[in-house]
Amino acid sequence: MTEQRVYIVDDDEPMRDSLQWLLESQGFAVTAFASAEDFLAACREGMAGCIVLDVRMPGMSGLELYEKLNARRCTLPVIFITGHGDVPMAVSALKKGAVDFIEKPFGDQDMLRLIVQCLELDRANRARQLEAAAAAQRLAGLTEREAEVMDLILAGRLNKQIADVLNISIKTVEVHRGRIMDKMQVRTVAELVQTVMRGRQ
């Protein structure tokens, strides 16, 4: 599993340094950036952890960076740091999927609590992505006929109805059905539905 890291993006050097010191003193791996542009240049697929992002910065703002990350389908949870006047902007970011915002000056414990919450969320997100990728791989392993049978199973058709639709014997449907359940690594139709939904996200 990729190491989780807290990415601080803030043009205010004293704030950046003190936050980095706080987090590292609590055992978190930290990388700090002085601008949104710097972080965007370093951002790679598969990064794990969370981002602590200042809303207002010269050049690209925190909100602009957040929108660019969303466009790249970056799933790192984001905590915005806001000055008093920036709260409406932060609330708008929350509506777009940011985890939370914290107003300056903030308490160390409040920040640490948010970081822990974000790292848990990141772990859950990545576990879901791995499950979805595994389910998609299993779906790709079905033959064309198995995929046809599976879609009819998902539509709630009985073996006899599937046999009629595809003009094959009930025995053949049963064989396909068994292979589908094996390949998809499920035991029930309910599990099959859930796995297919994950794989087709």
N, C-alpha and C. Protein backbone atom coordinates (compact mmCIF):
# COMPACT_ATOMS: atom_id res chain seq x y z
N MET A 1 0.85 -1.20 0.00
CA MET A 1 0.00 0.00 0.00
C MET A 1 0.89 1.25 0.00
N THR A 2 0.56 2.24 -0.84
CA THR A 2 1.33 3.48 -0.90
C THR A 2 1.29 4.20 0.44
N GLU A 3 2.43 4.80 0.79
CA GLU A 3 2.49 5.53 2.07
C GLU A 3 1.57 6.75 2.00
N GLN A 4 0.81 6.96 3.06
CA GLN A 4 -0.04 8.15 3.13
C GLN A 4 0.82 9.35 3.54
N ARG A 5 0.54 10.47 2.90
CA ARG A 5 1.32 11.67 3.15
C ARG A 5 0.37 12.86 3.22
N VAL A 6 0.69 13.83 4.07
CA VAL A 6 -0.11 15.06 4.14
C VAL A 6 0.59 16.10 3.26
N TYR A 7 -0.13 16.61 2.27
CA TYR A 7 0.41 17.63 1.38
C TYR A 7 -0.11 19.00 1.81
N ILE A 8 0.79 19.87 2.22
CA ILE A 8 0.40 21.23 2.63
C ILE A 8 0.65 22.15 1.45
N VAL A 9 -0.37 22.91 1.05
CA VAL A 9 -0.21 23.87 -0.06
C VAL A 9 -0.62 25.24 0.48
N ASP A 10 0.39 26.09 0.74
CA ASP A 10 0.14 27.39 1.39
C ASP A 10 1.31 28.32 1.07
N ASP A 11 0.99 29.54 0.60
CA ASP A 11 2.07 30.48 0.26
C ASP A 11 2.65 31.17 1.49
N ASP A 12 1.98 31.06 2.64
CA ASP A 12 2.43 31.70 3.89
C ASP A 12 3.50 30.82 4.55
N GLU A 13 4.77 31.23 4.44
CA GLU A 13 5.87 30.36 4.89
C GLU A 13 5.80 30.02 6.39
N PRO A 14 5.60 31.02 7.30
CA PRO A 14 5.51 30.67 8.73
C PRO A 14 4.39 29.67 9.02
N MET A 15 3.23 29.86 8.36
CA MET A 15 2.09 28.94 8.56
C MET A 15 2.45 27.55 8.04
N ARG A 16 3.08 27.51 6.87
CA ARG A 16 3.47 26.24 6.26
C ARG A 16 4.45 25.49 7.16
N ASP A 17 5.46 26.22 7.64
CA ASP A 17 6.50 25.60 8.47
C ASP A 17 5.94 25.10 9.80
N SER A 18 5.07 25.92 10.43
CA SER A 18 4.55 25.52 11.75
C SER A 18 3.61 24.31 11.62
N LEU A 19 2.85 24.29 10.52
CA LEU A 19 1.93 23.16 10.30
C LEU A 19 2.74 21.90 10.00
N GLN A 20 3.78 22.03 9.20
CA GLN A 20 4.63 20.88 8.89
C GLN A 20 5.28 20.34 10.18
N TRP A 21 5.76 21.24 11.01
CA TRP A 21 6.39 20.82 12.27
C TRP A 21 5.38 20.09 13.16
N LEU A 22 4.16 20.66 13.27
CA LEU A 22 3.11 20.04 14.10
C LEU A 22 2.82 18.61 13.62
N LEU A 23 2.63 18.46 12.32
CA LEU A 23 2.24 17.15 11.79
C LEU A 23 3.38 16.14 11.89
N GLU A 24 4.59 16.58 11.58
CA GLU A 24 5.73 15.66 11.66
C GLU A 24 6.00 15.25 13.11
N SER A 25 5.75 16.17 14.05
CA SER A 25 5.94 15.83 15.47
C SER A 25 4.95 14.77 15.93
N GLN A 26 3.83 14.60 15.17
CA GLN A 26 2.83 13.58 15.49
C GLN A 26 3.01 12.32 14.64
N GLY A 27 4.12 12.29 13.89
CA GLY A 27 4.44 11.07 13.13
C GLY A 27 3.88 11.01 11.71
N PHE A 28 3.29 12.12 11.24
CA PHE A 28 2.76 12.11 9.86
C PHE A 28 3.88 12.41 8.86
N ALA A 29 3.84 11.76 7.70
CA ALA A 29 4.75 12.11 6.60
C ALA A 29 4.17 13.35 5.92
N VAL A 30 4.99 14.36 5.69
CA VAL A 30 4.50 15.65 5.19
C VAL A 30 5.36 16.13 4.01
N THR A 31 4.72 16.70 2.99
CA THR A 31 5.42 17.44 1.95
C THR A 31 4.71 18.77 1.79
N ALA A 32 5.48 19.87 1.78
CA ALA A 32 4.88 21.20 1.71
C ALA A 32 5.19 21.86 0.36
N PHE A 33 4.22 22.63 -0.12
CA PHE A 33 4.38 23.37 -1.38
C PHE A 33 4.00 24.84 -1.14
N ALA A 34 4.74 25.75 -1.80
CA ALA A 34 4.51 27.18 -1.59
C ALA A 34 3.44 27.74 -2.54
N SER A 35 3.02 26.94 -3.52
CA SER A 35 1.99 27.43 -4.45
C SER A 35 1.18 26.27 -5.00
N ALA A 36 -0.01 26.64 -5.50
CA ALA A 36 -0.89 25.64 -6.13
C ALA A 36 -0.23 25.08 -7.38
N GLU A 37 0.48 25.96 -8.12
CA GLU A 37 1.14 25.52 -9.35
C GLU A 37 2.19 24.44 -9.04
N ASP A 38 2.96 24.65 -7.96
CA ASP A 38 3.99 23.67 -7.58
C ASP A 38 3.37 22.30 -7.27
N PHE A 39 2.25 22.35 -6.53
CA PHE A 39 1.61 21.07 -6.18
C PHE A 39 1.07 20.38 -7.43
N LEU A 40 0.45 21.16 -8.30
CA LEU A 40 -0.14 20.57 -9.52
C LEU A 40 0.94 19.92 -10.36
N ALA A 41 2.12 20.53 -10.43
CA ALA A 41 3.23 19.97 -11.20
C ALA A 41 3.72 18.65 -10.59
N ALA A 42 3.62 18.54 -9.25
CA ALA A 42 4.11 17.33 -8.57
C ALA A 42 3.05 16.24 -8.43
N CYS A 43 1.79 16.61 -8.69
CA CYS A 43 0.67 15.69 -8.45
C CYS A 43 0.72 14.51 -9.43
N ARG A 44 0.63 13.31 -8.88
CA ARG A 44 0.67 12.08 -9.68
C ARG A 44 -0.50 11.18 -9.33
N GLU A 45 -0.91 10.37 -10.27
CA GLU A 45 -1.96 9.39 -10.00
C GLU A 45 -1.44 8.41 -8.95
N GLY A 46 -2.30 7.99 -8.05
CA GLY A 46 -1.90 6.99 -7.06
C GLY A 46 -1.34 7.57 -5.78
N MET A 47 -1.27 8.92 -5.69
CA MET A 47 -0.80 9.53 -4.43
C MET A 47 -1.81 9.22 -3.33
N ALA A 48 -1.30 8.97 -2.13
CA ALA A 48 -2.18 8.61 -1.01
C ALA A 48 -2.01 9.64 0.11
N GLY A 49 -3.10 9.88 0.84
CA GLY A 49 -3.04 10.81 1.97
C GLY A 49 -4.12 11.86 1.87
N CYS A 50 -3.76 13.12 2.11
CA CYS A 50 -4.73 14.21 2.02
C CYS A 50 -4.00 15.52 1.75
N ILE A 51 -4.79 16.55 1.42
CA ILE A 51 -4.23 17.87 1.11
C ILE A 51 -4.78 18.89 2.09
N VAL A 52 -3.88 19.71 2.66
CA VAL A 52 -4.29 20.87 3.45
C VAL A 52 -4.01 22.08 2.56
N LEU A 53 -5.07 22.77 2.16
CA LEU A 53 -4.98 23.72 1.06
C LEU A 53 -5.49 25.10 1.47
N ASP A 54 -4.62 26.11 1.31
CA ASP A 54 -5.04 27.49 1.61
C ASP A 54 -5.98 27.96 0.50
N VAL A 55 -7.08 28.59 0.90
CA VAL A 55 -8.05 29.04 -0.09
C VAL A 55 -7.47 30.17 -0.95
N ARG A 56 -6.84 31.15 -0.27
CA ARG A 56 -6.42 32.36 -0.98
C ARG A 56 -4.90 32.40 -1.13
N MET A 57 -4.43 32.30 -2.38
CA MET A 57 -2.99 32.38 -2.65
C MET A 57 -2.78 33.20 -3.91
N PRO A 58 -1.60 33.85 -4.03
CA PRO A 58 -1.31 34.56 -5.28
C PRO A 58 -1.21 33.55 -6.43
N GLY A 59 -1.48 34.00 -7.64
CA GLY A 59 -1.47 33.05 -8.77
C GLY A 59 -2.73 32.20 -8.70
N MET A 60 -2.57 30.89 -8.82
CA MET A 60 -3.73 30.00 -8.76
C MET A 60 -4.23 29.88 -7.32
N SER A 61 -5.51 30.11 -7.13
CA SER A 61 -6.08 30.01 -5.77
C SER A 61 -6.28 28.55 -5.39
N GLY A 62 -6.52 28.33 -4.08
CA GLY A 62 -6.80 26.98 -3.61
C GLY A 62 -8.03 26.38 -4.28
N LEU A 63 -9.04 27.22 -4.49
CA LEU A 63 -10.27 26.73 -5.12
C LEU A 63 -10.03 26.33 -6.57
N GLU A 64 -9.22 27.13 -7.28
CA GLU A 64 -8.91 26.79 -8.67
C GLU A 64 -8.14 25.47 -8.74
N LEU A 65 -7.18 25.31 -7.81
CA LEU A 65 -6.43 24.05 -7.76
C LEU A 65 -7.38 22.88 -7.50
N TYR A 66 -8.31 23.08 -6.55
CA TYR A 66 -9.25 22.02 -6.19
C TYR A 66 -10.08 21.59 -7.41
N GLU A 67 -10.51 22.59 -8.20
CA GLU A 67 -11.31 22.27 -9.39
C GLU A 67 -10.48 21.50 -10.42
N LYS A 68 -9.21 21.88 -10.56
CA LYS A 68 -8.32 21.17 -11.50
C LYS A 68 -8.09 19.72 -11.04
N LEU A 69 -7.93 19.55 -9.72
CA LEU A 69 -7.73 18.19 -9.18
C LEU A 69 -8.98 17.34 -9.41
N ASN A 70 -10.15 17.95 -9.21
CA ASN A 70 -11.40 17.23 -9.46
C ASN A 70 -11.50 16.81 -10.93
N ALA A 71 -11.07 17.71 -11.82
CA ALA A 71 -11.12 17.40 -13.25
C ALA A 71 -10.19 16.23 -13.58
N ARG A 72 -9.10 16.09 -12.80
CA ARG A 72 -8.17 14.97 -13.00
C ARG A 72 -8.62 13.71 -12.26
N ARG A 73 -9.76 13.79 -11.62
CA ARG A 73 -10.31 12.69 -10.80
C ARG A 73 -9.40 12.33 -9.64
N CYS A 74 -8.73 13.33 -9.09
CA CYS A 74 -7.89 13.12 -7.90
C CYS A 74 -8.82 12.90 -6.70
N THR A 75 -8.61 11.81 -5.96
CA THR A 75 -9.53 11.49 -4.86
C THR A 75 -8.95 11.85 -3.48
N LEU A 76 -7.79 12.54 -3.45
CA LEU A 76 -7.22 12.90 -2.14
C LEU A 76 -8.19 13.82 -1.40
N PRO A 77 -8.56 13.47 -0.16
CA PRO A 77 -9.44 14.36 0.60
C PRO A 77 -8.76 15.71 0.84
N VAL A 78 -9.56 16.79 0.84
CA VAL A 78 -9.00 18.14 0.96
C VAL A 78 -9.60 18.86 2.17
N ILE A 79 -8.71 19.48 2.97
CA ILE A 79 -9.12 20.40 4.05
C ILE A 79 -8.67 21.78 3.60
N PHE A 80 -9.60 22.73 3.57
CA PHE A 80 -9.23 24.10 3.23
C PHE A 80 -8.88 24.89 4.49
N ILE A 81 -7.81 25.69 4.40
CA ILE A 81 -7.50 26.66 5.46
C ILE A 81 -8.04 28.00 4.98
N THR A 82 -8.83 28.67 5.81
CA THR A 82 -9.45 29.93 5.38
C THR A 82 -9.19 31.05 6.38
N GLY A 83 -9.07 32.26 5.82
CA GLY A 83 -9.13 33.45 6.65
C GLY A 83 -10.61 33.75 6.90
N HIS A 84 -10.89 34.69 7.78
CA HIS A 84 -12.29 34.95 8.17
C HIS A 84 -13.18 35.25 6.98
N GLY A 85 -12.66 36.06 6.04
CA GLY A 85 -13.51 36.47 4.91
C GLY A 85 -13.71 35.38 3.87
N ASP A 86 -13.00 34.28 4.00
CA ASP A 86 -13.04 33.25 2.96
C ASP A 86 -14.06 32.13 3.24
N VAL A 87 -14.81 32.26 4.33
CA VAL A 87 -15.72 31.16 4.71
C VAL A 87 -16.72 30.84 3.60
N PRO A 88 -17.37 31.86 2.97
CA PRO A 88 -18.32 31.51 1.90
C PRO A 88 -17.66 30.69 0.78
N MET A 89 -16.37 31.03 0.45
CA MET A 89 -15.66 30.28 -0.58
C MET A 89 -15.45 28.83 -0.13
N ALA A 90 -15.12 28.67 1.16
CA ALA A 90 -14.87 27.33 1.69
C ALA A 90 -16.16 26.51 1.69
N VAL A 91 -17.27 27.15 2.02
CA VAL A 91 -18.57 26.45 2.02
C VAL A 91 -18.89 25.98 0.60
N SER A 92 -18.58 26.84 -0.38
CA SER A 92 -18.80 26.45 -1.78
C SER A 92 -17.95 25.24 -2.14
N ALA A 93 -16.71 25.18 -1.62
CA ALA A 93 -15.83 24.03 -1.87
C ALA A 93 -16.39 22.77 -1.23
N LEU A 94 -16.98 22.91 -0.04
CA LEU A 94 -17.59 21.74 0.64
C LEU A 94 -18.68 21.15 -0.24
N LYS A 95 -19.45 22.03 -0.86
CA LYS A 95 -20.55 21.55 -1.71
C LYS A 95 -20.01 20.79 -2.92
N LYS A 96 -18.75 21.08 -3.29
CA LYS A 96 -18.14 20.40 -4.44
C LYS A 96 -17.37 19.16 -4.00
N GLY A 97 -17.39 18.84 -2.68
CA GLY A 97 -16.79 17.58 -2.25
C GLY A 97 -15.60 17.69 -1.31
N ALA A 98 -15.15 18.92 -0.96
CA ALA A 98 -14.05 19.03 0.01
C ALA A 98 -14.53 18.44 1.34
N VAL A 99 -13.60 17.95 2.16
CA VAL A 99 -13.99 17.28 3.41
C VAL A 99 -14.41 18.29 4.47
N ASP A 100 -13.63 19.37 4.61
CA ASP A 100 -13.93 20.35 5.66
C ASP A 100 -13.08 21.58 5.42
N PHE A 101 -13.34 22.63 6.21
CA PHE A 101 -12.45 23.78 6.20
C PHE A 101 -12.19 24.17 7.64
N ILE A 102 -11.07 24.83 7.85
CA ILE A 102 -10.69 25.23 9.20
C ILE A 102 -10.24 26.68 9.14
N GLU A 103 -10.76 27.50 10.06
CA GLU A 103 -10.46 28.93 10.03
C GLU A 103 -9.19 29.25 10.81
N LYS A 104 -8.38 30.17 10.25
CA LYS A 104 -7.21 30.67 10.97
C LYS A 104 -7.69 31.66 12.03
N PRO A 105 -7.08 31.75 13.18
CA PRO A 105 -6.08 30.80 13.71
C PRO A 105 -6.81 29.55 14.22
N PHE A 106 -6.25 28.38 13.95
CA PHE A 106 -6.93 27.15 14.38
C PHE A 106 -6.12 26.46 15.47
N GLY A 107 -6.81 25.63 16.26
CA GLY A 107 -6.15 24.88 17.32
C GLY A 107 -5.47 23.64 16.74
N ASP A 108 -4.34 23.27 17.32
CA ASP A 108 -3.60 22.09 16.84
C ASP A 108 -4.48 20.85 16.85
N GLN A 109 -5.23 20.66 17.94
CA GLN A 109 -6.03 19.43 18.07
C GLN A 109 -7.13 19.36 17.01
N ASP A 110 -7.70 20.53 16.67
CA ASP A 110 -8.74 20.55 15.64
C ASP A 110 -8.16 20.11 14.30
N MET A 111 -6.96 20.62 13.98
CA MET A 111 -6.31 20.26 12.72
C MET A 111 -5.96 18.76 12.71
N LEU A 112 -5.39 18.28 13.82
CA LEU A 112 -4.99 16.86 13.88
C LEU A 112 -6.20 15.95 13.73
N ARG A 113 -7.32 16.34 14.35
CA ARG A 113 -8.54 15.53 14.24
C ARG A 113 -9.00 15.45 12.78
N LEU A 114 -8.94 16.59 12.08
CA LEU A 114 -9.35 16.61 10.67
C LEU A 114 -8.41 15.76 9.80
N ILE A 115 -7.11 15.84 10.10
CA ILE A 115 -6.12 15.07 9.32
C ILE A 115 -6.40 13.57 9.48
N VAL A 116 -6.62 13.13 10.71
CA VAL A 116 -6.89 11.70 10.97
C VAL A 116 -8.15 11.26 10.21
N GLN A 117 -9.18 12.12 10.26
CA GLN A 117 -10.45 11.81 9.57
C GLN A 117 -10.21 11.69 8.05
N CYS A 118 -9.39 12.59 7.50
CA CYS A 118 -9.12 12.58 6.06
C CYS A 118 -8.31 11.34 5.65
N LEU A 119 -7.35 10.95 6.47
CA LEU A 119 -6.53 9.79 6.13
C LEU A 119 -7.36 8.51 6.18
N GLU A 120 -8.31 8.44 7.12
CA GLU A 120 -9.23 7.28 7.17
C GLU A 120 -10.09 7.24 5.91
N LEU A 121 -10.57 8.43 5.51
CA LEU A 121 -11.41 8.54 4.31
C LEU A 121 -10.62 8.12 3.07
N ASP A 122 -9.36 8.55 3.00
CA ASP A 122 -8.48 8.20 1.88
C ASP A 122 -8.29 6.68 1.80
N ARG A 123 -8.06 6.05 2.97
CA ARG A 123 -7.89 4.59 3.00
C ARG A 123 -9.14 3.89 2.46
N ALA A 124 -10.31 4.36 2.92
CA ALA A 124 -11.58 3.76 2.48
C ALA A 124 -11.78 3.96 0.97
N ASN A 125 -11.46 5.17 0.48
CA ASN A 125 -11.60 5.47 -0.96
C ASN A 125 -10.73 4.54 -1.79
N ARG A 126 -9.48 4.35 -1.35
CA ARG A 126 -8.55 3.54 -2.14
C ARG A 126 -8.92 2.06 -2.07
N ALA A 127 -9.45 1.63 -0.94
CA ALA A 127 -9.91 0.23 -0.84
C ALA A 127 -11.07 0.00 -1.83
N ARG A 128 -11.96 1.00 -1.92
CA ARG A 128 -13.10 0.90 -2.86
C ARG A 128 -12.58 0.86 -4.31
N GLN A 129 -11.57 1.70 -4.60
CA GLN A 129 -11.01 1.73 -5.96
C GLN A 129 -10.39 0.38 -6.32
N LEU A 130 -9.70 -0.23 -5.35
CA LEU A 130 -9.09 -1.54 -5.60
C LEU A 130 -10.16 -2.59 -5.86
N GLU A 131 -11.24 -2.54 -5.07
CA GLU A 131 -12.36 -3.49 -5.26
C GLU A 131 -12.98 -3.30 -6.64
N ALA A 132 -13.17 -2.02 -7.04
CA ALA A 132 -13.78 -1.74 -8.34
C ALA A 132 -12.88 -2.24 -9.47
N ALA A 133 -11.57 -2.04 -9.33
CA ALA A 133 -10.63 -2.49 -10.37
C ALA A 133 -10.65 -4.02 -10.47
N ALA A 134 -10.70 -4.68 -9.31
CA ALA A 134 -10.73 -6.16 -9.31
C ALA A 134 -12.03 -6.66 -9.94
N ALA A 135 -13.15 -5.99 -9.61
CA ALA A 135 -14.45 -6.40 -10.18
C ALA A 135 -14.45 -6.18 -11.70
N ALA A 136 -13.88 -5.07 -12.15
CA ALA A 136 -13.82 -4.78 -13.60
C ALA A 136 -12.98 -5.83 -14.32
N GLN A 137 -11.91 -6.27 -13.66
CA GLN A 137 -11.04 -7.30 -14.25
C GLN A 137 -11.80 -8.62 -14.40
N ARG A 138 -12.59 -8.94 -13.36
CA ARG A 138 -13.37 -10.19 -13.44
C ARG A 138 -14.41 -10.11 -14.55
N LEU A 139 -15.05 -8.94 -14.67
CA LEU A 139 -16.04 -8.76 -15.75
C LEU A 139 -15.39 -8.95 -17.11
N ALA A 140 -14.18 -8.41 -17.25
CA ALA A 140 -13.47 -8.51 -18.54
C ALA A 140 -13.11 -9.96 -18.87
N GLY A 141 -13.08 -10.82 -17.85
CA GLY A 141 -12.73 -12.23 -18.05
C GLY A 141 -13.89 -13.09 -18.52
N LEU A 142 -15.10 -12.53 -18.57
CA LEU A 142 -16.27 -13.30 -19.04
C LEU A 142 -16.26 -13.39 -20.56
N THR A 143 -16.73 -14.52 -21.08
CA THR A 143 -16.89 -14.63 -22.54
C THR A 143 -18.12 -13.80 -22.94
N GLU A 144 -18.26 -13.59 -24.24
CA GLU A 144 -19.40 -12.79 -24.73
C GLU A 144 -20.72 -13.45 -24.31
N ARG A 145 -20.80 -14.78 -24.44
CA ARG A 145 -22.02 -15.49 -24.09
C ARG A 145 -22.29 -15.40 -22.58
N GLU A 146 -21.24 -15.55 -21.79
CA GLU A 146 -21.40 -15.44 -20.32
C GLU A 146 -21.92 -14.05 -19.95
N ALA A 147 -21.41 -13.03 -20.64
CA ALA A 147 -21.86 -11.65 -20.36
C ALA A 147 -23.35 -11.50 -20.70
N GLU A 148 -23.77 -12.13 -21.79
CA GLU A 148 -25.20 -12.08 -22.19
C GLU A 148 -26.06 -12.76 -21.11
N VAL A 149 -25.63 -13.95 -20.70
CA VAL A 149 -26.37 -14.69 -19.66
C VAL A 149 -26.41 -13.87 -18.37
N MET A 150 -25.27 -13.29 -18.01
CA MET A 150 -25.20 -12.52 -16.77
C MET A 150 -26.17 -11.33 -16.80
N ASP A 151 -26.21 -10.63 -17.93
CA ASP A 151 -27.12 -9.46 -18.02
C ASP A 151 -28.58 -9.89 -17.85
N LEU A 152 -28.91 -11.07 -18.36
CA LEU A 152 -30.29 -11.57 -18.20
C LEU A 152 -30.55 -12.00 -16.75
N ILE A 153 -29.52 -12.58 -16.10
CA ILE A 153 -29.65 -12.91 -14.67
C ILE A 153 -29.91 -11.62 -13.88
N LEU A 154 -29.13 -10.56 -14.20
CA LEU A 154 -29.26 -9.28 -13.49
C LEU A 154 -30.63 -8.64 -13.75
N ALA A 155 -31.20 -8.96 -14.91
CA ALA A 155 -32.53 -8.43 -15.24
C ALA A 155 -33.64 -9.23 -14.55
N GLY A 156 -33.23 -10.26 -13.78
CA GLY A 156 -34.21 -11.02 -13.00
C GLY A 156 -34.84 -12.18 -13.76
N ARG A 157 -34.27 -12.55 -14.90
CA ARG A 157 -34.85 -13.65 -15.68
C ARG A 157 -34.49 -15.01 -15.06
N LEU A 158 -35.42 -15.94 -15.16
CA LEU A 158 -35.18 -17.31 -14.70
C LEU A 158 -34.41 -18.07 -15.77
N ASN A 159 -33.82 -19.21 -15.38
CA ASN A 159 -33.03 -20.01 -16.33
C ASN A 159 -33.81 -20.34 -17.60
N LYS A 160 -35.10 -20.72 -17.43
CA LYS A 160 -35.91 -21.11 -18.59
C LYS A 160 -36.09 -19.91 -19.52
N GLN A 161 -36.32 -18.73 -18.93
CA GLN A 161 -36.51 -17.52 -19.75
C GLN A 161 -35.22 -17.16 -20.49
N ILE A 162 -34.09 -17.32 -19.80
CA ILE A 162 -32.79 -17.03 -20.42
C ILE A 162 -32.56 -17.99 -21.59
N ALA A 163 -32.90 -19.25 -21.36
CA ALA A 163 -32.74 -20.28 -22.42
C ALA A 163 -33.57 -19.90 -23.65
N ASP A 164 -34.82 -19.44 -23.41
CA ASP A 164 -35.69 -19.04 -24.52
C ASP A 164 -35.13 -17.84 -25.27
N VAL A 165 -34.70 -16.83 -24.53
CA VAL A 165 -34.19 -15.59 -25.14
C VAL A 165 -32.96 -15.88 -26.01
N LEU A 166 -32.05 -16.72 -25.49
CA LEU A 166 -30.78 -16.96 -26.19
C LEU A 166 -30.83 -18.19 -27.09
N ASN A 167 -31.99 -18.86 -27.06
CA ASN A 167 -32.19 -20.05 -27.89
C ASN A 167 -31.13 -21.13 -27.61
N ILE A 168 -30.95 -21.38 -26.30
CA ILE A 168 -30.03 -22.44 -25.86
C ILE A 168 -30.77 -23.30 -24.83
N SER A 169 -30.19 -24.44 -24.45
CA SER A 169 -30.88 -25.32 -23.50
C SER A 169 -30.73 -24.79 -22.07
N ILE A 170 -31.67 -25.20 -21.20
CA ILE A 170 -31.60 -24.81 -19.80
C ILE A 170 -30.30 -25.32 -19.18
N LYS A 171 -29.89 -26.53 -19.60
CA LYS A 171 -28.65 -27.12 -19.09
C LYS A 171 -27.45 -26.21 -19.40
N THR A 172 -27.43 -25.67 -20.61
CA THR A 172 -26.33 -24.76 -21.02
C THR A 172 -26.36 -23.48 -20.18
N VAL A 173 -27.57 -22.98 -19.93
CA VAL A 173 -27.70 -21.77 -19.09
C VAL A 173 -27.12 -22.06 -17.70
N GLU A 174 -27.44 -23.23 -17.17
CA GLU A 174 -26.95 -23.60 -15.82
C GLU A 174 -25.42 -23.65 -15.80
N VAL A 175 -24.83 -24.20 -16.88
CA VAL A 175 -23.36 -24.27 -16.96
C VAL A 175 -22.77 -22.85 -16.99
N HIS A 176 -23.36 -22.00 -17.84
CA HIS A 176 -22.88 -20.60 -17.93
C HIS A 176 -23.03 -19.90 -16.58
N ARG A 177 -24.17 -20.13 -15.97
CA ARG A 177 -24.45 -19.48 -14.69
C ARG A 177 -23.39 -19.87 -13.65
N GLY A 178 -23.06 -21.16 -13.61
CA GLY A 178 -22.05 -21.64 -12.66
C GLY A 178 -20.69 -21.00 -12.93
N ARG A 179 -20.34 -20.90 -14.22
CA ARG A 179 -19.05 -20.30 -14.59
C ARG A 179 -19.01 -18.82 -14.23
N ILE A 180 -20.13 -18.15 -14.46
CA ILE A 180 -20.21 -16.70 -14.16
C ILE A 180 -19.98 -16.49 -12.65
N MET A 181 -20.67 -17.28 -11.83
CA MET A 181 -20.55 -17.12 -10.38
C MET A 181 -19.11 -17.41 -9.93
N ASP A 182 -18.48 -18.42 -10.55
CA ASP A 182 -17.08 -18.74 -10.23
C ASP A 182 -16.15 -17.60 -10.62
N LYS A 183 -16.29 -17.14 -11.87
CA LYS A 183 -15.38 -16.10 -12.38
C LYS A 183 -15.56 -14.78 -11.62
N MET A 184 -16.79 -14.48 -11.24
CA MET A 184 -17.06 -13.22 -10.53
C MET A 184 -16.82 -13.36 -9.02
N GLN A 185 -16.53 -14.61 -8.59
CA GLN A 185 -16.22 -14.91 -7.18
C GLN A 185 -17.37 -14.48 -6.24
N VAL A 186 -18.58 -14.88 -6.63
CA VAL A 186 -19.76 -14.59 -5.81
C VAL A 186 -20.56 -15.86 -5.60
N ARG A 187 -21.42 -15.81 -4.58
CA ARG A 187 -22.24 -17.00 -4.28
C ARG A 187 -23.72 -16.76 -4.57
N THR A 188 -24.15 -15.51 -4.49
CA THR A 188 -25.57 -15.22 -4.68
C THR A 188 -25.76 -14.16 -5.76
N VAL A 189 -26.99 -14.05 -6.25
CA VAL A 189 -27.29 -13.04 -7.28
C VAL A 189 -27.12 -11.63 -6.68
N ALA A 190 -27.46 -11.47 -5.40
CA ALA A 190 -27.29 -10.15 -4.75
C ALA A 190 -25.81 -9.74 -4.77
N GLU A 191 -24.93 -10.69 -4.47
CA GLU A 191 -23.48 -10.39 -4.50
C GLU A 191 -23.04 -10.08 -5.93
N LEU A 192 -23.62 -10.80 -6.89
CA LEU A 192 -23.29 -10.57 -8.30
C LEU A 192 -23.66 -9.14 -8.70
N VAL A 193 -24.86 -8.72 -8.30
CA VAL A 193 -25.32 -7.35 -8.61
C VAL A 193 -24.34 -6.32 -8.05
N GLN A 194 -23.96 -6.48 -6.77
CA GLN A 194 -23.05 -5.52 -6.13
C GLN A 194 -21.69 -5.49 -6.82
N THR A 195 -21.17 -6.67 -7.17
CA THR A 195 -19.85 -6.74 -7.81
C THR A 195 -19.88 -6.10 -9.19
N VAL A 196 -20.93 -6.37 -9.95
CA VAL A 196 -21.05 -5.79 -11.28
C VAL A 196 -21.17 -4.26 -11.19
N MET A 197 -21.94 -3.79 -10.20
CA MET A 197 -22.07 -2.32 -10.04
C MET A 197 -20.72 -1.68 -9.74
N ARG A 198 -19.93 -2.36 -8.89
CA ARG A 198 -18.59 -1.83 -8.57
C ARG A 198 -17.70 -1.84 -9.80
N GLY A 199 -17.79 -2.93 -10.57
CA GLY A 199 -16.91 -3.07 -11.74
C GLY A 199 -17.27 -2.15 -12.90
N ARG A 200 -18.52 -1.70 -12.92
CA ARG A 200 -18.97 -0.83 -14.04
C ARG A 200 -19.03 0.64 -13.66
N GLN A 201 -18.46 0.99 -12.53
CA GLN A 201 -18.50 2.40 -12.09
C GLN A 201 -17.82 3.30 -13.10
